[in-house]
Amino acid sequence: MREDPDALLAACEDTMIPSAEDFLYTQSIDLQNEREVGSGLTVVT
């Protein structure tokens, strides 16, 4: 990839630019489980 800057650019774009597929398949959050064993911050609005 170092020899081909276009290949490097394409690889970066593939991993950094979001696509529709990144947002289509989501799992719902199990709040009970997150409360008991989850990590991180939960925000409820």
C-alpha atoms as a PDB file:
ATOM      1  CA  MET A   1       0.000   0.000   0.000  1.00  0.00           C
ATOM      2  CA  ARG A   2       2.877   2.365   0.606  1.00  0.00           C
ATOM      3  CA  GLU A   3       3.773   2.205  -3.067  1.00  0.00           C
ATOM      4  CA  ASP A   4       0.216   2.985  -4.170  1.00  0.00           C
ATOM      5  CA  PRO A   5      -1.236   6.110  -2.525  1.00  0.00           C
ATOM      6  CA  ASP A   6      -4.602   5.522  -4.236  1.00  0.00           C
ATOM      7  CA  ALA A   7      -4.908   2.106  -2.580  1.00  0.00           C
ATOM      8  CA  LEU A   8      -4.097   3.665   0.781  1.00  0.00           C
ATOM      9  CA  LEU A   9      -6.718   6.364   0.246  1.00  0.00           C
ATOM     10  CA  ALA A  10      -9.322   3.752  -0.759  1.00  0.00           C
ATOM     11  CA  ALA A  11      -8.558   1.635   2.317  1.00  0.00           C
ATOM     12  CA  CYS A  12      -8.902   4.662   4.585  1.00  0.00           C
ATOM     13  CA  GLU A  13     -12.181   5.675   2.960  1.00  0.00           C
ATOM     14  CA  ASP A  14     -13.564   2.138   3.333  1.00  0.00           C
ATOM     15  CA  THR A  15     -12.946   2.164   7.077  1.00  0.00           C
ATOM     16  CA  MET A  16     -13.616   5.811   7.956  1.00  0.00           C
ATOM     17  CA  ILE A  17     -16.555   6.932   5.807  1.00  0.00           C
ATOM     18  CA  PRO A  18     -19.860   5.568   7.114  1.00  0.00           C
ATOM     19  CA  SER A  19     -22.172   3.735   4.765  1.00  0.00           C
ATOM     20  CA  ALA A  20     -25.861   2.825   4.987  1.00  0.00           C
ATOM     21  CA  GLU A  21     -24.930  -0.728   6.006  1.00  0.00           C
ATOM     22  CA  ASP A  22     -23.272   0.652   9.135  1.00  0.00           C
ATOM     23  CA  PHE A  23     -26.676   1.813  10.392  1.00  0.00           C
ATOM     24  CA  LEU A  24     -29.070  -0.863   9.140  1.00  0.00           C
ATOM     25  CA  TYR A  25     -28.331  -3.752  11.482  1.00  0.00           C
ATOM     26  CA  THR A  26     -28.609  -2.738  15.094  1.00  0.00           C
ATOM     27  CA  GLN A  27     -29.394  -4.648  18.236  1.00  0.00           C
ATOM     28  CA  SER A  28     -31.755  -3.181  20.773  1.00  0.00           C
ATOM     29  CA  ILE A  29     -30.292  -2.493  24.183  1.00  0.00           C
ATOM     30  CA  ASP A  30     -31.311  -4.709  27.075  1.00  0.00           C
ATOM     31  CA  LEU A  31     -31.558  -2.008  29.746  1.00  0.00           C
ATOM     32  CA  GLN A  32     -31.928  -4.477  32.611  1.00  0.00           C
ATOM     33  CA  ASN A  33     -28.721  -6.228  31.611  1.00  0.00           C
ATOM     34  CA  GLU A  34     -26.899  -2.936  31.019  1.00  0.00           C
ATOM     35  CA  ARG A  35     -27.920  -1.708  34.461  1.00  0.00           C
ATOM     36  CA  GLU A  36     -26.539  -4.812  36.129  1.00  0.00           C
ATOM     37  CA  VAL A  37     -23.425  -5.745  34.145  1.00  0.00           C
ATOM     38  CA  GLY A  38     -23.031  -3.136  31.409  1.00  0.00           C
ATOM     39  CA  SER A  39     -20.188  -0.736  31.063  1.00  0.00           C
ATOM     40  CA  GLY A  40     -20.363   2.838  29.973  1.00  0.00           C
ATOM     41  CA  LEU A  41     -22.867   5.619  30.264  1.00  0.00           C
ATOM     42  CA  THR A  42     -26.587   5.250  29.636  1.00  0.00           C
ATOM     43  CA  VAL A  43     -28.568   8.317  28.607  1.00  0.00           C
ATOM     44  CA  VAL A  44     -32.353   8.293  28.652  1.00  0.00           C
ATOM     45  CA  THR A  45     -34.250  11.160  27.089  1.00  0.00           C
END
